[in-house]
Amino acid sequence: MGSPPGQLIGPSPSAVRGIRGISGFSRHGWASNADASSCVKLALALTVHLEIAPEHIDGFKKVMLRHADCSRNEYGCLRFDVLQEADAPNKFTLYEFPQECRRHRGE
């Protein structure tokens, strides 16, 4: 997939060309198909694919570094990784692993 996990997260809106996908998967199946009452049992992972305009890559990475530190220190965030593709340096993948998915439903 490219370079190893970085220390980045949080796009600058003017630098992002598009978000290609967000998904969650659990050991019980896709999160969107899961029974809401069993949500706490899910191993949720959020995945976001970003394509950054080449002239904004350095600024994007600088902002992501600061934001990643804040995100990793949030209550309930087990892990947050940002990967930059080695063969396409303007493409990034963000992975977040929250402790439980209630907070993502606004509870």
PDB file of N, CA and C in Angstrom:
ATOM      1  N   MET A   1       0.811  -1.187   0.000  1.00  0.00           N
ATOM      2  CA  MET A   1       0.000   0.000   0.000  1.00  0.00           C
ATOM      3  C   MET A   1       0.850   1.243   0.000  1.00  0.00           C
ATOM      4  N   GLY A   2       2.053   1.281   0.078  1.00  0.00           N
ATOM      5  CA  GLY A   2       2.806   2.516   0.125  1.00  0.00           C
ATOM      6  C   GLY A   2       3.653   2.581   1.369  1.00  0.00           C
ATOM      7  N   SER A   3       3.890   3.804   1.823  1.00  0.00           N
ATOM      8  CA  SER A   3       4.759   3.999   2.976  1.00  0.00           C
ATOM      9  C   SER A   3       4.083   3.546   4.265  1.00  0.00           C
ATOM     10  N   PRO A   4       4.865   3.310   5.317  1.00  0.00           N
ATOM     11  CA  PRO A   4       4.293   2.885   6.590  1.00  0.00           C
ATOM     12  C   PRO A   4       3.460   3.996   7.206  1.00  0.00           C
ATOM     13  N   PRO A   5       2.632   3.666   8.237  1.00  0.00           N
ATOM     14  CA  PRO A   5       1.777   4.676   8.845  1.00  0.00           C
ATOM     15  C   PRO A   5       2.564   5.913   9.245  1.00  0.00           C
ATOM     16  N   GLY A   6       1.956   7.069   9.002  1.00  0.00           N
ATOM     17  CA  GLY A   6       2.582   8.328   9.346  1.00  0.00           C
ATOM     18  C   GLY A   6       2.043   8.878  10.646  1.00  0.00           C
ATOM     19  N   GLN A   7       2.241  10.157  10.844  1.00  0.00           N
ATOM     20  CA  GLN A   7       1.797  10.839  12.054  1.00  0.00           C
ATOM     21  C   GLN A   7       0.786  11.920  11.681  1.00  0.00           C
ATOM     22  N   LEU A   8      -0.117  11.645  10.760  1.00  0.00           N
ATOM     23  CA  LEU A   8      -0.954  12.687  10.191  1.00  0.00           C
ATOM     24  C   LEU A   8      -2.445  12.400  10.298  1.00  0.00           C
ATOM     25  N   ILE A   9      -3.290  13.473  10.278  1.00  0.00           N
ATOM     26  CA  ILE A   9      -4.746  13.374  10.142  1.00  0.00           C
ATOM     27  C   ILE A   9      -5.406  14.744  10.070  1.00  0.00           C
ATOM     28  N   GLY A  10      -6.548  14.855   9.374  1.00  0.00           N
ATOM     29  CA  GLY A  10      -7.362  16.061   9.348  1.00  0.00           C
ATOM     30  C   GLY A  10      -7.129  16.941   8.144  1.00  0.00           C
ATOM     31  N   PRO A  11      -7.926  16.798   7.079  1.00  0.00           N
ATOM     32  CA  PRO A  11      -7.671  17.507   5.830  1.00  0.00           C
ATOM     33  C   PRO A  11      -7.953  19.003   5.884  1.00  0.00           C
ATOM     34  N   SER A  12      -7.189  19.754   5.129  1.00  0.00           N
ATOM     35  CA  SER A  12      -7.470  21.159   4.878  1.00  0.00           C
ATOM     36  C   SER A  12      -8.461  21.186   3.721  1.00  0.00           C
ATOM     37  N   PRO A  13      -9.683  21.716   3.909  1.00  0.00           N
ATOM     38  CA  PRO A  13     -10.714  21.617   2.874  1.00  0.00           C
ATOM     39  C   PRO A  13     -10.269  22.078   1.488  1.00  0.00           C
ATOM     40  N   SER A  14      -9.454  23.118   1.390  1.00  0.00           N
ATOM     41  CA  SER A  14      -9.040  23.597   0.073  1.00  0.00           C
ATOM     42  C   SER A  14      -8.033  22.675  -0.593  1.00  0.00           C
ATOM     43  N   ALA A  15      -7.395  21.791   0.176  1.00  0.00           N
ATOM     44  CA  ALA A  15      -6.372  20.913  -0.379  1.00  0.00           C
ATOM     45  C   ALA A  15      -6.920  19.568  -0.833  1.00  0.00           C
ATOM     46  N   VAL A  16      -8.107  19.212  -0.384  1.00  0.00           N
ATOM     47  CA  VAL A  16      -8.656  17.890  -0.668  1.00  0.00           C
ATOM     48  C   VAL A  16      -9.426  17.906  -1.981  1.00  0.00           C
ATOM     49  N   ARG A  17      -9.073  17.007  -2.882  1.00  0.00           N
ATOM     50  CA  ARG A  17      -9.798  16.901  -4.150  1.00  0.00           C
ATOM     51  C   ARG A  17     -11.044  16.044  -4.008  1.00  0.00           C
ATOM     52  N   GLY A  18     -11.004  15.038  -3.159  1.00  0.00           N
ATOM     53  CA  GLY A  18     -12.182  14.198  -3.006  1.00  0.00           C
ATOM     54  C   GLY A  18     -11.969  13.099  -1.995  1.00  0.00           C
ATOM     55  N   ILE A  19     -13.048  12.679  -1.376  1.00  0.00           N
ATOM     56  CA  ILE A  19     -13.030  11.544  -0.470  1.00  0.00           C
ATOM     57  C   ILE A  19     -13.658  10.390  -1.221  1.00  0.00           C
ATOM     58  N   ARG A  20     -12.891   9.305  -1.385  1.00  0.00           N
ATOM     59  CA  ARG A  20     -13.357   8.197  -2.207  1.00  0.00           C
ATOM     60  C   ARG A  20     -14.167   7.170  -1.435  1.00  0.00           C
ATOM     61  N   GLY A  21     -14.070   7.123  -0.118  1.00  0.00           N
ATOM     62  CA  GLY A  21     -14.857   6.129   0.590  1.00  0.00           C
ATOM     63  C   GLY A  21     -14.684   6.168   2.085  1.00  0.00           C
ATOM     64  N   ILE A  22     -15.758   5.828   2.778  1.00  0.00           N
ATOM     65  CA  ILE A  22     -15.736   5.674   4.222  1.00  0.00           C
ATOM     66  C   ILE A  22     -16.460   4.375   4.522  1.00  0.00           C
ATOM     67  N   SER A  23     -15.856   3.499   5.299  1.00  0.00           N
ATOM     68  CA  SER A  23     -16.504   2.228   5.597  1.00  0.00           C
ATOM     69  C   SER A  23     -16.149   1.761   6.991  1.00  0.00           C
ATOM     70  N   GLY A  24     -16.996   0.917   7.526  1.00  0.00           N
ATOM     71  CA  GLY A  24     -16.728   0.320   8.824  1.00  0.00           C
ATOM     72  C   GLY A  24     -16.968  -1.174   8.744  1.00  0.00           C
ATOM     73  N   PHE A  25     -16.121  -1.954   9.341  1.00  0.00           N
ATOM     74  CA  PHE A  25     -16.256  -3.405   9.301  1.00  0.00           C
ATOM     75  C   PHE A  25     -16.081  -3.958  10.696  1.00  0.00           C
ATOM     76  N   SER A  26     -16.855  -4.949  11.020  1.00  0.00           N
ATOM     77  CA  SER A  26     -16.729  -5.590  12.321  1.00  0.00           C
ATOM     78  C   SER A  26     -16.586  -7.085  12.133  1.00  0.00           C
ATOM     79  N   ARG A  27     -16.298  -7.775  13.219  1.00  0.00           N
ATOM     80  CA  ARG A  27     -16.221  -9.232  13.128  1.00  0.00           C
ATOM     81  C   ARG A  27     -17.596  -9.831  12.880  1.00  0.00           C
ATOM     82  N   HIS A  28     -18.658  -9.026  13.057  1.00  0.00           N
ATOM     83  CA  HIS A  28     -20.026  -9.483  12.830  1.00  0.00           C
ATOM     84  C   HIS A  28     -20.528  -9.136  11.433  1.00  0.00           C
ATOM     85  N   GLY A  29     -19.792  -8.369  10.671  1.00  0.00           N
ATOM     86  CA  GLY A  29     -20.216  -7.946   9.339  1.00  0.00           C
ATOM     87  C   GLY A  29     -20.056  -6.446   9.185  1.00  0.00           C
ATOM     88  N   TRP A  30     -20.503  -5.921   8.063  1.00  0.00           N
ATOM     89  CA  TRP A  30     -20.390  -4.485   7.826  1.00  0.00           C
ATOM     90  C   TRP A  30     -21.212  -3.732   8.838  1.00  0.00           C
ATOM     91  N   ALA A  31     -20.675  -2.652   9.357  1.00  0.00           N
ATOM     92  CA  ALA A  31     -21.325  -1.889  10.418  1.00  0.00           C
ATOM     93  C   ALA A  31     -22.693  -1.382   9.991  1.00  0.00           C
ATOM     94  N   SER A  32     -22.862  -1.029   8.733  1.00  0.00           N
ATOM     95  CA  SER A  32     -24.147  -0.518   8.276  1.00  0.00           C
ATOM     96  C   SER A  32     -25.235  -1.580   8.332  1.00  0.00           C
ATOM     97  N   ASN A  33     -24.866  -2.854   8.359  1.00  0.00           N
ATOM     98  CA  ASN A  33     -25.838  -3.939   8.432  1.00  0.00           C
ATOM     99  C   ASN A  33     -26.027  -4.459   9.850  1.00  0.00           C
ATOM    100  N   ALA A  34     -25.285  -3.933  10.802  1.00  0.00           N
ATOM    101  CA  ALA A  34     -25.329  -4.439  12.170  1.00  0.00           C
ATOM    102  C   ALA A  34     -26.545  -3.914  12.911  1.00  0.00           C
ATOM    103  N   ASP A  35     -27.041  -4.688  13.844  1.00  0.00           N
ATOM    104  CA  ASP A  35     -28.117  -4.288  14.732  1.00  0.00           C
ATOM    105  C   ASP A  35     -27.583  -3.191  15.647  1.00  0.00           C
ATOM    106  N   ALA A  36     -28.295  -2.073  15.745  1.00  0.00           N
ATOM    107  CA  ALA A  36     -27.822  -0.941  16.548  1.00  0.00           C
ATOM    108  C   ALA A  36     -27.605  -1.324  18.007  1.00  0.00           C
ATOM    109  N   SER A  37     -28.386  -2.275  18.525  1.00  0.00           N
ATOM    110  CA  SER A  37     -28.238  -2.666  19.924  1.00  0.00           C
ATOM    111  C   SER A  37     -26.927  -3.398  20.179  1.00  0.00           C
ATOM    112  N   SER A  38     -26.311  -3.946  19.135  1.00  0.00           N
ATOM    113  CA  SER A  38     -25.044  -4.660  19.308  1.00  0.00           C
ATOM    114  C   SER A  38     -23.852  -3.807  18.894  1.00  0.00           C
ATOM    115  N   CYS A  39     -24.086  -2.525  18.694  1.00  0.00           N
ATOM    116  CA  CYS A  39     -23.049  -1.644  18.169  1.00  0.00           C
ATOM    117  C   CYS A  39     -21.800  -1.614  19.037  1.00  0.00           C
ATOM    118  N   VAL A  40     -21.948  -1.671  20.351  1.00  0.00           N
ATOM    119  CA  VAL A  40     -20.799  -1.597  21.245  1.00  0.00           C
ATOM    120  C   VAL A  40     -19.866  -2.778  21.032  1.00  0.00           C
ATOM    121  N   LYS A  41     -20.384  -3.896  20.537  1.00  0.00           N
ATOM    122  CA  LYS A  41     -19.582  -5.094  20.318  1.00  0.00           C
ATOM    123  C   LYS A  41     -18.776  -5.025  19.022  1.00  0.00           C
ATOM    124  N   LEU A  42     -19.069  -4.061  18.182  1.00  0.00           N
ATOM    125  CA  LEU A  42     -18.412  -3.976  16.886  1.00  0.00           C
ATOM    126  C   LEU A  42     -16.974  -3.498  17.007  1.00  0.00           C
ATOM    127  N   ALA A  43     -16.138  -4.029  16.150  1.00  0.00           N
ATOM    128  CA  ALA A  43     -14.775  -3.523  16.009  1.00  0.00           C
ATOM    129  C   ALA A  43     -14.798  -2.605  14.796  1.00  0.00           C
ATOM    130  N   LEU A  44     -15.108  -1.365  15.019  1.00  0.00           N
ATOM    131  CA  LEU A  44     -15.313  -0.400  13.948  1.00  0.00           C
ATOM    132  C   LEU A  44     -13.988   0.198  13.490  1.00  0.00           C
ATOM    133  N   ALA A  45     -13.823   0.300  12.204  1.00  0.00           N
ATOM    134  CA  ALA A  45     -12.662   0.978  11.627  1.00  0.00           C
ATOM    135  C   ALA A  45     -13.174   1.931  10.557  1.00  0.00           C
ATOM    136  N   LEU A  46     -12.800   3.184  10.655  1.00  0.00           N
ATOM    137  CA  LEU A  46     -13.173   4.176   9.653  1.00  0.00           C
ATOM    138  C   LEU A  46     -12.003   4.350   8.699  1.00  0.00           C
ATOM    139  N   THR A  47     -12.305   4.300   7.420  1.00  0.00           N
ATOM    140  CA  THR A  47     -11.274   4.432   6.395  1.00  0.00           C
ATOM    141  C   THR A  47     -11.666   5.558   5.448  1.00  0.00           C
ATOM    142  N   VAL A  48     -10.739   6.474   5.212  1.00  0.00           N
ATOM    143  CA  VAL A  48     -10.985   7.590   4.301  1.00  0.00           C
ATOM    144  C   VAL A  48      -9.828   7.654   3.312  1.00  0.00           C
ATOM    145  N   HIS A  49     -10.152   7.746   2.024  1.00  0.00           N
ATOM    146  CA  HIS A  49      -9.147   7.878   0.968  1.00  0.00           C
ATOM    147  C   HIS A  49      -9.187   9.318   0.466  1.00  0.00           C
ATOM    148  N   LEU A  50      -8.037   9.967   0.424  1.00  0.00           N
ATOM    149  CA  LEU A  50      -7.944  11.362  -0.006  1.00  0.00           C
ATOM    150  C   LEU A  50      -6.952  11.510  -1.148  1.00  0.00           C
ATOM    151  N   GLU A  51      -7.280  12.405  -2.058  1.00  0.00           N
ATOM    152  CA  GLU A  51      -6.352  12.786  -3.119  1.00  0.00           C
ATOM    153  C   GLU A  51      -6.123  14.284  -2.967  1.00  0.00           C
ATOM    154  N   ILE A  52      -4.895  14.668  -2.676  1.00  0.00           N
ATOM    155  CA  ILE A  52      -4.545  16.054  -2.383  1.00  0.00           C
ATOM    156  C   ILE A  52      -3.925  16.701  -3.620  1.00  0.00           C
ATOM    157  N   ALA A  53      -4.315  17.941  -3.886  1.00  0.00           N
ATOM    158  CA  ALA A  53      -3.711  18.681  -4.989  1.00  0.00           C
ATOM    159  C   ALA A  53      -2.202  18.762  -4.738  1.00  0.00           C
ATOM    160  N   PRO A  54      -1.377  18.465  -5.743  1.00  0.00           N
ATOM    161  CA  PRO A  54       0.083  18.414  -5.554  1.00  0.00           C
ATOM    162  C   PRO A  54       0.676  19.653  -4.879  1.00  0.00           C
ATOM    163  N   GLU A  55       0.164  20.824  -5.185  1.00  0.00           N
ATOM    164  CA  GLU A  55       0.721  22.046  -4.599  1.00  0.00           C
ATOM    165  C   GLU A  55       0.366  22.214  -3.117  1.00  0.00           C
ATOM    166  N   HIS A  56      -0.523  21.367  -2.584  1.00  0.00           N
ATOM    167  CA  HIS A  56      -0.940  21.466  -1.182  1.00  0.00           C
ATOM    168  C   HIS A  56      -0.429  20.321  -0.309  1.00  0.00           C
ATOM    169  N   ILE A  57       0.363  19.404  -0.859  1.00  0.00           N
ATOM    170  CA  ILE A  57       0.808  18.225  -0.098  1.00  0.00           C
ATOM    171  C   ILE A  57       1.590  18.620   1.155  1.00  0.00           C
ATOM    172  N   ASP A  58       2.561  19.508   1.043  1.00  0.00           N
ATOM    173  CA  ASP A  58       3.371  19.890   2.208  1.00  0.00           C
ATOM    174  C   ASP A  58       2.518  20.528   3.304  1.00  0.00           C
ATOM    175  N   GLY A  59       1.627  21.435   2.925  1.00  0.00           N
ATOM    176  CA  GLY A  59       0.739  22.070   3.902  1.00  0.00           C
ATOM    177  C   GLY A  59      -0.215  21.077   4.537  1.00  0.00           C
ATOM    178  N   PHE A  60      -0.728  20.162   3.733  1.00  0.00           N
ATOM    179  CA  PHE A  60      -1.632  19.112   4.221  1.00  0.00           C
ATOM    180  C   PHE A  60      -0.935  18.273   5.287  1.00  0.00           C
ATOM    181  N   LYS A  61       0.290  17.845   4.998  1.00  0.00           N
ATOM    182  CA  LYS A  61       1.032  17.005   5.941  1.00  0.00           C
ATOM    183  C   LYS A  61       1.325  17.761   7.243  1.00  0.00           C
ATOM    184  N   LYS A  62       1.645  19.043   7.148  1.00  0.00           N
ATOM    185  CA  LYS A  62       1.938  19.842   8.338  1.00  0.00           C
ATOM    186  C   LYS A  62       0.705  19.939   9.245  1.00  0.00           C
ATOM    187  N   VAL A  63      -0.447  20.213   8.646  1.00  0.00           N
ATOM    188  CA  VAL A  63      -1.693  20.304   9.412  1.00  0.00           C
ATOM    189  C   VAL A  63      -2.067  18.939   9.990  1.00  0.00           C
ATOM    190  N   MET A  64      -1.878  17.895   9.214  1.00  0.00           N
ATOM    191  CA  MET A  64      -2.218  16.544   9.658  1.00  0.00           C
ATOM    192  C   MET A  64      -1.405  16.113  10.872  1.00  0.00           C
ATOM    193  N   LEU A  65      -0.151  16.496  10.918  1.00  0.00           N
ATOM    194  CA  LEU A  65       0.714  16.130  12.037  1.00  0.00           C
ATOM    195  C   LEU A  65       0.165  16.678  13.349  1.00  0.00           C
ATOM    196  N   ARG A  66      -0.220  17.946  13.340  1.00  0.00           N
ATOM    197  CA  ARG A  66      -0.789  18.557  14.549  1.00  0.00           C
ATOM    198  C   ARG A  66      -2.128  17.924  14.905  1.00  0.00           C
ATOM    199  N   HIS A  67      -2.967  17.736  13.907  1.00  0.00           N
ATOM    200  CA  HIS A  67      -4.302  17.187  14.147  1.00  0.00           C
ATOM    201  C   HIS A  67      -4.239  15.725  14.596  1.00  0.00           C
ATOM    202  N   ALA A  68      -3.290  14.971  14.077  1.00  0.00           N
ATOM    203  CA  ALA A  68      -3.136  13.562  14.455  1.00  0.00           C
ATOM    204  C   ALA A  68      -2.834  13.440  15.938  1.00  0.00           C
ATOM    205  N   ASP A  69      -1.955  14.277  16.439  1.00  0.00           N
ATOM    206  CA  ASP A  69      -1.633  14.243  17.865  1.00  0.00           C
ATOM    207  C   ASP A  69      -2.878  14.498  18.710  1.00  0.00           C
ATOM    208  N   CYS A  70      -3.677  15.472  18.312  1.00  0.00           N
ATOM    209  CA  CYS A  70      -4.914  15.768  19.048  1.00  0.00           C
ATOM    210  C   CYS A  70      -5.883  14.592  18.974  1.00  0.00           C
ATOM    211  N   SER A  71      -6.057  14.020  17.800  1.00  0.00           N
ATOM    212  CA  SER A  71      -6.989  12.904  17.619  1.00  0.00           C
ATOM    213  C   SER A  71      -6.576  11.692  18.433  1.00  0.00           C
ATOM    214  N   ARG A  72      -5.302  11.387  18.441  1.00  0.00           N
ATOM    215  CA  ARG A  72      -4.815  10.223  19.189  1.00  0.00           C
ATOM    216  C   ARG A  72      -4.983  10.394  20.691  1.00  0.00           C
ATOM    217  N   ASN A  73      -5.038  11.631  21.156  1.00  0.00           N
ATOM    218  CA  ASN A  73      -5.210  11.889  22.585  1.00  0.00           C
ATOM    219  C   ASN A  73      -6.668  12.012  22.998  1.00  0.00           C
ATOM    220  N   GLU A  74      -7.603  11.928  22.038  1.00  0.00           N
ATOM    221  CA  GLU A  74      -9.022  11.979  22.363  1.00  0.00           C
ATOM    222  C   GLU A  74      -9.439  10.710  23.090  1.00  0.00           C
ATOM    223  N   TYR A  75     -10.356  10.866  24.032  1.00  0.00           N
ATOM    224  CA  TYR A  75     -10.900   9.709  24.740  1.00  0.00           C
ATOM    225  C   TYR A  75     -11.566   8.772  23.727  1.00  0.00           C
ATOM    226  N   GLY A  76     -11.260   7.510  23.798  1.00  0.00           N
ATOM    227  CA  GLY A  76     -11.901   6.516  22.949  1.00  0.00           C
ATOM    228  C   GLY A  76     -11.214   6.249  21.625  1.00  0.00           C
ATOM    229  N   CYS A  77     -10.178   6.993  21.301  1.00  0.00           N
ATOM    230  CA  CYS A  77      -9.451   6.735  20.055  1.00  0.00           C
ATOM    231  C   CYS A  77      -8.351   5.718  20.347  1.00  0.00           C
ATOM    232  N   LEU A  78      -8.504   4.513  19.814  1.00  0.00           N
ATOM    233  CA  LEU A  78      -7.516   3.466  20.038  1.00  0.00           C
ATOM    234  C   LEU A  78      -6.304   3.625  19.139  1.00  0.00           C
ATOM    235  N   ARG A  79      -6.550   4.092  17.912  1.00  0.00           N
ATOM    236  CA  ARG A  79      -5.456   4.215  16.949  1.00  0.00           C
ATOM    237  C   ARG A  79      -5.902   5.123  15.808  1.00  0.00           C
ATOM    238  N   PHE A  80      -4.959   5.872  15.282  1.00  0.00           N
ATOM    239  CA  PHE A  80      -5.222   6.706  14.107  1.00  0.00           C
ATOM    240  C   PHE A  80      -3.970   6.701  13.246  1.00  0.00           C
ATOM    241  N   ASP A  81      -4.101   6.236  12.028  1.00  0.00           N
ATOM    242  CA  ASP A  81      -2.964   6.156  11.110  1.00  0.00           C
ATOM    243  C   ASP A  81      -3.257   6.926   9.834  1.00  0.00           C
ATOM    244  N   VAL A  82      -2.223   7.500   9.270  1.00  0.00           N
ATOM    245  CA  VAL A  82      -2.301   8.136   7.961  1.00  0.00           C
ATOM    246  C   VAL A  82      -1.201   7.538   7.104  1.00  0.00           C
ATOM    247  N   LEU A  83      -1.579   7.023   5.950  1.00  0.00           N
ATOM    248  CA  LEU A  83      -0.606   6.445   5.030  1.00  0.00           C
ATOM    249  C   LEU A  83      -0.542   7.289   3.770  1.00  0.00           C
ATOM    250  N   GLN A  84       0.662   7.508   3.278  1.00  0.00           N
ATOM    251  CA  GLN A  84       0.885   8.210   2.024  1.00  0.00           C
ATOM    252  C   GLN A  84       1.414   7.186   1.031  1.00  0.00           C
ATOM    253  N   GLU A  85       0.765   7.078  -0.116  1.00  0.00           N
ATOM    254  CA  GLU A  85       1.179   6.089  -1.107  1.00  0.00           C
ATOM    255  C   GLU A  85       2.539   6.458  -1.695  1.00  0.00           C
ATOM    256  N   ALA A  86       3.446   5.497  -1.721  1.00  0.00           N
ATOM    257  CA  ALA A  86       4.804   5.735  -2.227  1.00  0.00           C
ATOM    258  C   ALA A  86       4.809   6.035  -3.720  1.00  0.00           C
ATOM    259  N   ASP A  87       3.964   5.354  -4.480  1.00  0.00           N
ATOM    260  CA  ASP A  87       3.955   5.538  -5.934  1.00  0.00           C
ATOM    261  C   ASP A  87       2.998   6.640  -6.396  1.00  0.00           C
ATOM    262  N   ALA A  88       2.234   7.220  -5.477  1.00  0.00           N
ATOM    263  CA  ALA A  88       1.334   8.333  -5.784  1.00  0.00           C
ATOM    264  C   ALA A  88       1.303   9.233  -4.542  1.00  0.00           C
ATOM    265  N   PRO A  89       2.318  10.082  -4.362  1.00  0.00           N
ATOM    266  CA  PRO A  89       2.469  10.845  -3.121  1.00  0.00           C
ATOM    267  C   PRO A  89       1.349  11.837  -2.818  1.00  0.00           C
ATOM    268  N   ASN A  90       0.434  12.055  -3.749  1.00  0.00           N
ATOM    269  CA  ASN A  90      -0.696  12.937  -3.471  1.00  0.00           C
ATOM    270  C   ASN A  90      -1.908  12.161  -2.945  1.00  0.00           C
ATOM    271  N   LYS A  91      -1.763  10.842  -2.767  1.00  0.00           N
ATOM    272  CA  LYS A  91      -2.866  10.014  -2.261  1.00  0.00           C
ATOM    273  C   LYS A  91      -2.569   9.556  -0.838  1.00  0.00           C
ATOM    274  N   PHE A  92      -3.573   9.735   0.028  1.00  0.00           N
ATOM    275  CA  PHE A  92      -3.454   9.400   1.442  1.00  0.00           C
ATOM    276  C   PHE A  92      -4.628   8.520   1.854  1.00  0.00           C
ATOM    277  N   THR A  93      -4.393   7.669   2.834  1.00  0.00           N
ATOM    278  CA  THR A  93      -5.450   6.867   3.433  1.00  0.00           C
ATOM    279  C   THR A  93      -5.396   7.090   4.934  1.00  0.00           C
ATOM    280  N   LEU A  94      -6.560   7.427   5.522  1.00  0.00           N
ATOM    281  CA  LEU A  94      -6.674   7.641   6.956  1.00  0.00           C
ATOM    282  C   LEU A  94      -7.420   6.461   7.562  1.00  0.00           C
ATOM    283  N   TYR A  95      -6.929   5.951   8.679  1.00  0.00           N
ATOM    284  CA  TYR A  95      -7.589   4.873   9.412  1.00  0.00           C
ATOM    285  C   TYR A  95      -7.798   5.328  10.849  1.00  0.00           C
ATOM    286  N   GLU A  96      -9.039   5.192  11.335  1.00  0.00           N
ATOM    287  CA  GLU A  96      -9.329   5.488  12.738  1.00  0.00           C
ATOM    288  C   GLU A  96      -9.988   4.273  13.363  1.00  0.00           C
ATOM    289  N   PHE A  97      -9.540   3.925  14.548  1.00  0.00           N
ATOM    290  CA  PHE A  97     -10.092   2.795  15.282  1.00  0.00           C
ATOM    291  C   PHE A  97     -10.620   3.314  16.618  1.00  0.00           C
ATOM    292  N   PRO A  98     -11.927   3.651  16.684  1.00  0.00           N
ATOM    293  CA  PRO A  98     -12.499   4.130  17.940  1.00  0.00           C
ATOM    294  C   PRO A  98     -12.785   2.964  18.887  1.00  0.00           C
ATOM    295  N   GLN A  99     -12.850   3.270  20.174  1.00  0.00           N
ATOM    296  CA  GLN A  99     -13.112   2.246  21.176  1.00  0.00           C
ATOM    297  C   GLN A  99     -14.485   1.629  20.979  1.00  0.00           C
ATOM    298  N   GLU A 100     -15.479   2.436  20.674  1.00  0.00           N
ATOM    299  CA  GLU A 100     -16.816   1.935  20.396  1.00  0.00           C
ATOM    300  C   GLU A 100     -17.482   2.886  19.423  1.00  0.00           C
ATOM    301  N   CYS A 101     -18.557   2.426  18.786  1.00  0.00           N
ATOM    302  CA  CYS A 101     -19.146   3.254  17.733  1.00  0.00           C
ATOM    303  C   CYS A 101     -20.266   4.149  18.227  1.00  0.00           C
ATOM    304  N   ARG A 102     -20.632   4.123  19.500  1.00  0.00           N
ATOM    305  CA  ARG A 102     -21.674   5.011  20.005  1.00  0.00           C
ATOM    306  C   ARG A 102     -21.355   6.475  19.723  1.00  0.00           C
ATOM    307  N   ARG A 103     -20.113   6.853  19.939  1.00  0.00           N
ATOM    308  CA  ARG A 103     -19.763   8.262  19.767  1.00  0.00           C
ATOM    309  C   ARG A 103     -19.920   8.685  18.311  1.00  0.00           C
ATOM    310  N   HIS A 104     -19.820   7.767  17.363  1.00  0.00           N
ATOM    311  CA  HIS A 104     -19.983   8.107  15.953  1.00  0.00           C
ATOM    312  C   HIS A 104     -21.449   8.192  15.558  1.00  0.00           C
ATOM    313  N   ARG A 105     -22.349   7.746  16.444  1.00  0.00           N
ATOM    314  CA  ARG A 105     -23.781   7.886  16.214  1.00  0.00           C
ATOM    315  C   ARG A 105     -24.318   9.097  16.959  1.00  0.00           C
ATOM    316  N   GLY A 106     -23.462   9.823  17.673  1.00  0.00           N
ATOM    317  CA  GLY A 106     -23.878  11.023  18.384  1.00  0.00           C
ATOM    318  C   GLY A 106     -24.477  10.752  19.753  1.00  0.00           C
ATOM    319  N   GLU A 107     -24.243   9.590  20.332  1.00  0.00           N
ATOM    320  CA  GLU A 107     -24.788   9.270  21.662  1.00  0.00           C
ATOM    321  C   GLU A 107     -23.845   9.733  22.750  1.00  0.00           C
TER     322      GLU A 107
END
